[in-house]
Amino acid sequence: MDNYEINILRRNGNWNKITQNDDVMNNNELHNEKKLENKNHNDYEHLNDDFKFYLKQVSSIINKIESLEEEKNNLKIQLKTYEVEFINKKKDTENKINLMTEERDILDKTINVIKNLKSI
C-alpha cells in the first residue's frame, strides 16, 4: 500500500489527485484552517455589516440634504413674495410722495398768487 492515489472533488467542481508524495494536512491542521476560514468569514460579515451601516448613514445624510434644499427653496419663494410686497409698497409710497410734492408745489404757487394779489 505504499503506492496510492486519491481523487478528491473540490468545491469548485474540479477533481484533484493526491498521492502519498503530496503534502496532505492532518485533521488538526484542517481544523485550524477551518477556524481561520470561519474567522475570515466572520470578519468579512462584520465588514459587510459595517459597510451596510455606513451606506445607510450616507443615505440618511443625503435625504437630510435634499430636505434642507427643499426647505431652502421654499424659503427663497417666501422671500421673493416679501420682496414683491416691499417693491409694491415702495412704488405706492413714491407715488404718494410725488402727489404730495405736486400738491405742495400747487400750494406754494397759490400762496405766491395770494401774496401778489395782496400787494396790489
C-alpha atoms as a PDB file:
ATOM      1  CA  MET A   1       0.000   0.000   0.000  1.00  0.00           C
ATOM      2  CA  ASP A   2       2.965   2.285  -0.447  1.00  0.00           C
ATOM      3  CA  ASN A   3       1.762   3.462  -3.782  1.00  0.00           C
ATOM      4  CA  TYR A   4      -1.693   5.064  -3.598  1.00  0.00           C
ATOM      5  CA  GLU A   5      -3.657   7.812  -5.311  1.00  0.00           C
ATOM      6  CA  ILE A   6      -6.867   9.542  -4.153  1.00  0.00           C
ATOM      7  CA  ASN A   7      -9.278  11.548  -6.307  1.00  0.00           C
ATOM      8  CA  ILE A   8     -10.844  14.449  -4.421  1.00  0.00           C
ATOM      9  CA  LEU A   9     -13.719  16.501  -5.764  1.00  0.00           C
ATOM     10  CA  ARG A  10     -13.158  20.152  -4.838  1.00  0.00           C
ATOM     11  CA  ARG A  11     -15.941  22.664  -4.100  1.00  0.00           C
ATOM     12  CA  ASN A  12     -15.250  24.428  -7.371  1.00  0.00           C
ATOM     13  CA  GLY A  13     -16.129  21.213  -9.225  1.00  0.00           C
ATOM     14  CA  ASN A  14     -12.597  20.217 -10.220  1.00  0.00           C
ATOM     15  CA  TRP A  15     -11.086  16.857  -9.364  1.00  0.00           C
ATOM     16  CA  ASN A  16      -7.750  16.794  -7.592  1.00  0.00           C
ATOM     17  CA  LYS A  17      -5.451  13.735  -7.422  1.00  0.00           C
ATOM     18  CA  ILE A  18      -3.422  13.240  -4.277  1.00  0.00           C
ATOM     19  CA  THR A  19      -0.574  10.743  -3.997  1.00  0.00           C
ATOM     20  CA  GLN A  20       1.497   9.658  -0.993  1.00  0.00           C
ATOM     21  CA  ASN A  21       4.181  12.147  -2.035  1.00  0.00           C
ATOM     22  CA  ASP A  22       1.784  15.107  -1.764  1.00  0.00           C
ATOM     23  CA  ASP A  23       1.672  17.119   1.434  1.00  0.00           C
ATOM     24  CA  VAL A  24      -1.718  16.229   2.928  1.00  0.00           C
ATOM     25  CA  MET A  25      -2.969  18.041   6.019  1.00  0.00           C
ATOM     26  CA  ASN A  26      -3.880  16.080   9.079  1.00  0.00           C
ATOM     27  CA  ASN A  27      -7.186  16.625  10.879  1.00  0.00           C
ATOM     28  CA  ASN A  28      -5.705  19.113  13.365  1.00  0.00           C
ATOM     29  CA  GLU A  29      -4.256  21.275  10.583  1.00  0.00           C
ATOM     30  CA  LEU A  30      -7.533  21.056   8.702  1.00  0.00           C
ATOM     31  CA  HIS A  31      -9.456  22.090  11.829  1.00  0.00           C
ATOM     32  CA  ASN A  32      -7.151  25.116  12.357  1.00  0.00           C
ATOM     33  CA  GLU A  33      -7.560  26.099   8.724  1.00  0.00           C
ATOM     34  CA  LYS A  34     -11.347  25.916   9.055  1.00  0.00           C
ATOM     35  CA  LYS A  35     -11.170  28.103  12.171  1.00  0.00           C
ATOM     36  CA  LEU A  36      -9.170  30.652  10.198  1.00  0.00           C
ATOM     37  CA  GLU A  37     -11.671  30.405   7.337  1.00  0.00           C
ATOM     38  CA  ASN A  38     -14.574  30.980   9.750  1.00  0.00           C
ATOM     39  CA  LYS A  39     -12.751  33.923  11.346  1.00  0.00           C
ATOM     40  CA  ASN A  40     -12.130  35.429   7.906  1.00  0.00           C
ATOM     41  CA  HIS A  41     -15.775  34.836   7.022  1.00  0.00           C
ATOM     42  CA  ASN A  42     -16.905  36.496  10.285  1.00  0.00           C
ATOM     43  CA  ASP A  43     -14.538  39.405   9.635  1.00  0.00           C
ATOM     44  CA  TYR A  44     -15.996  39.698   6.145  1.00  0.00           C
ATOM     45  CA  GLU A  45     -19.529  39.631   7.543  1.00  0.00           C
ATOM     46  CA  HIS A  46     -18.558  42.295  10.101  1.00  0.00           C
ATOM     47  CA  LEU A  47     -17.053  44.478   7.366  1.00  0.00           C
ATOM     48  CA  ASN A  48     -20.120  43.848   5.236  1.00  0.00           C
ATOM     49  CA  ASP A  49     -22.398  44.886   8.127  1.00  0.00           C
ATOM     50  CA  ASP A  50     -20.262  47.997   8.731  1.00  0.00           C
ATOM     51  CA  PHE A  51     -20.448  48.813   5.042  1.00  0.00           C
ATOM     52  CA  LYS A  52     -24.244  48.481   5.063  1.00  0.00           C
ATOM     53  CA  PHE A  53     -24.403  50.648   8.184  1.00  0.00           C
ATOM     54  CA  TYR A  54     -22.294  53.355   6.553  1.00  0.00           C
ATOM     55  CA  LEU A  55     -24.366  53.164   3.369  1.00  0.00           C
ATOM     56  CA  LYS A  56     -27.498  53.738   5.449  1.00  0.00           C
ATOM     57  CA  GLN A  57     -25.823  56.674   7.207  1.00  0.00           C
ATOM     58  CA  VAL A  58     -24.785  58.232   3.888  1.00  0.00           C
ATOM     59  CA  SER A  59     -28.284  57.695   2.527  1.00  0.00           C
ATOM     60  CA  SER A  60     -29.731  59.373   5.615  1.00  0.00           C
ATOM     61  CA  ILE A  61     -27.397  62.349   5.178  1.00  0.00           C
ATOM     62  CA  ILE A  62     -28.350  62.647   1.510  1.00  0.00           C
ATOM     63  CA  ASN A  63     -32.046  62.627   2.455  1.00  0.00           C
ATOM     64  CA  LYS A  64     -31.427  65.354   5.034  1.00  0.00           C
ATOM     65  CA  ILE A  65     -29.547  67.453   2.464  1.00  0.00           C
ATOM     66  CA  GLU A  66     -32.395  67.029  -0.029  1.00  0.00           C
ATOM     67  CA  SER A  67     -34.871  68.036   2.675  1.00  0.00           C
ATOM     68  CA  LEU A  68     -32.780  71.106   3.501  1.00  0.00           C
ATOM     69  CA  GLU A  69     -32.584  72.007  -0.189  1.00  0.00           C
ATOM     70  CA  GLU A  70     -36.362  71.792  -0.450  1.00  0.00           C
ATOM     71  CA  GLU A  71     -36.784  73.938   2.671  1.00  0.00           C
ATOM     72  CA  LYS A  72     -34.230  76.418   1.307  1.00  0.00           C
ATOM     73  CA  ASN A  73     -36.184  76.680  -1.957  1.00  0.00           C
ATOM     74  CA  ASN A  74     -39.427  77.239  -0.045  1.00  0.00           C
ATOM     75  CA  LEU A  75     -37.769  79.994   1.988  1.00  0.00           C
ATOM     76  CA  LYS A  76     -36.487  81.603  -1.207  1.00  0.00           C
ATOM     77  CA  ILE A  77     -40.042  81.605  -2.572  1.00  0.00           C
ATOM     78  CA  GLN A  78     -41.270  83.278   0.618  1.00  0.00           C
ATOM     79  CA  LEU A  79     -38.508  85.865   0.373  1.00  0.00           C
ATOM     80  CA  LYS A  80     -39.459  86.566  -3.237  1.00  0.00           C
ATOM     81  CA  THR A  81     -43.070  87.125  -2.128  1.00  0.00           C
ATOM     82  CA  TYR A  82     -41.949  89.612   0.543  1.00  0.00           C
ATOM     83  CA  GLU A  83     -39.645  91.314  -1.929  1.00  0.00           C
ATOM     84  CA  VAL A  84     -42.553  91.856  -4.324  1.00  0.00           C
ATOM     85  CA  GLU A  85     -44.662  93.220  -1.451  1.00  0.00           C
ATOM     86  CA  PHE A  86     -41.944  95.687  -0.452  1.00  0.00           C
ATOM     87  CA  ILE A  87     -41.384  96.763  -4.044  1.00  0.00           C
ATOM     88  CA  ASN A  88     -45.120  97.444  -4.405  1.00  0.00           C
ATOM     89  CA  LYS A  89     -45.176  99.335  -1.103  1.00  0.00           C
ATOM     90  CA  LYS A  90     -42.174 101.383  -2.224  1.00  0.00           C
ATOM     91  CA  LYS A  91     -43.912 102.260  -5.509  1.00  0.00           C
ATOM     92  CA  ASP A  92     -47.061 103.293  -3.626  1.00  0.00           C
ATOM     93  CA  THR A  93     -45.017 105.430  -1.268  1.00  0.00           C
ATOM     94  CA  GLU A  94     -43.142 107.042  -4.163  1.00  0.00           C
ATOM     95  CA  ASN A  95     -46.481 107.776  -5.861  1.00  0.00           C
ATOM     96  CA  LYS A  96     -47.787 109.369  -2.653  1.00  0.00           C
ATOM     97  CA  ILE A  97     -44.593 111.419  -2.334  1.00  0.00           C
ATOM     98  CA  ASN A  98     -44.942 112.593  -5.935  1.00  0.00           C
ATOM     99  CA  LEU A  99     -48.591 113.531  -5.347  1.00  0.00           C
ATOM    100  CA  MET A 100     -47.716 115.370  -2.151  1.00  0.00           C
ATOM    101  CA  THR A 101     -44.853 117.137  -3.910  1.00  0.00           C
ATOM    102  CA  GLU A 102     -47.233 118.251  -6.645  1.00  0.00           C
ATOM    103  CA  GLU A 103     -49.745 119.364  -4.032  1.00  0.00           C
ATOM    104  CA  ARG A 104     -47.012 121.287  -2.198  1.00  0.00           C
ATOM    105  CA  ASP A 105     -45.951 122.967  -5.432  1.00  0.00           C
ATOM    106  CA  ILE A 106     -49.567 123.939  -6.140  1.00  0.00           C
ATOM    107  CA  LEU A 107     -49.918 125.270  -2.582  1.00  0.00           C
ATOM    108  CA  ASP A 108     -46.702 127.296  -2.946  1.00  0.00           C
ATOM    109  CA  LYS A 109     -47.953 128.794  -6.208  1.00  0.00           C
ATOM    110  CA  THR A 110     -51.302 129.608  -4.656  1.00  0.00           C
ATOM    111  CA  ILE A 111     -49.636 131.290  -1.690  1.00  0.00           C
ATOM    112  CA  ASN A 112     -47.492 133.316  -4.052  1.00  0.00           C
ATOM    113  CA  VAL A 113     -50.524 134.360  -6.066  1.00  0.00           C
ATOM    114  CA  ILE A 114     -52.320 135.435  -2.866  1.00  0.00           C
ATOM    115  CA  LYS A 115     -49.253 137.427  -1.745  1.00  0.00           C
ATOM    116  CA  ASN A 116     -49.052 139.102  -5.125  1.00  0.00           C
ATOM    117  CA  LEU A 117     -52.748 139.936  -5.064  1.00  0.00           C
ATOM    118  CA  LYS A 118     -52.408 141.409  -1.606  1.00  0.00           C
ATOM    119  CA  SER A 119     -49.592 143.610  -2.727  1.00  0.00           C
ATOM    120  CA  ILE A 120     -51.608 145.233  -5.472  1.00  0.00           C
END
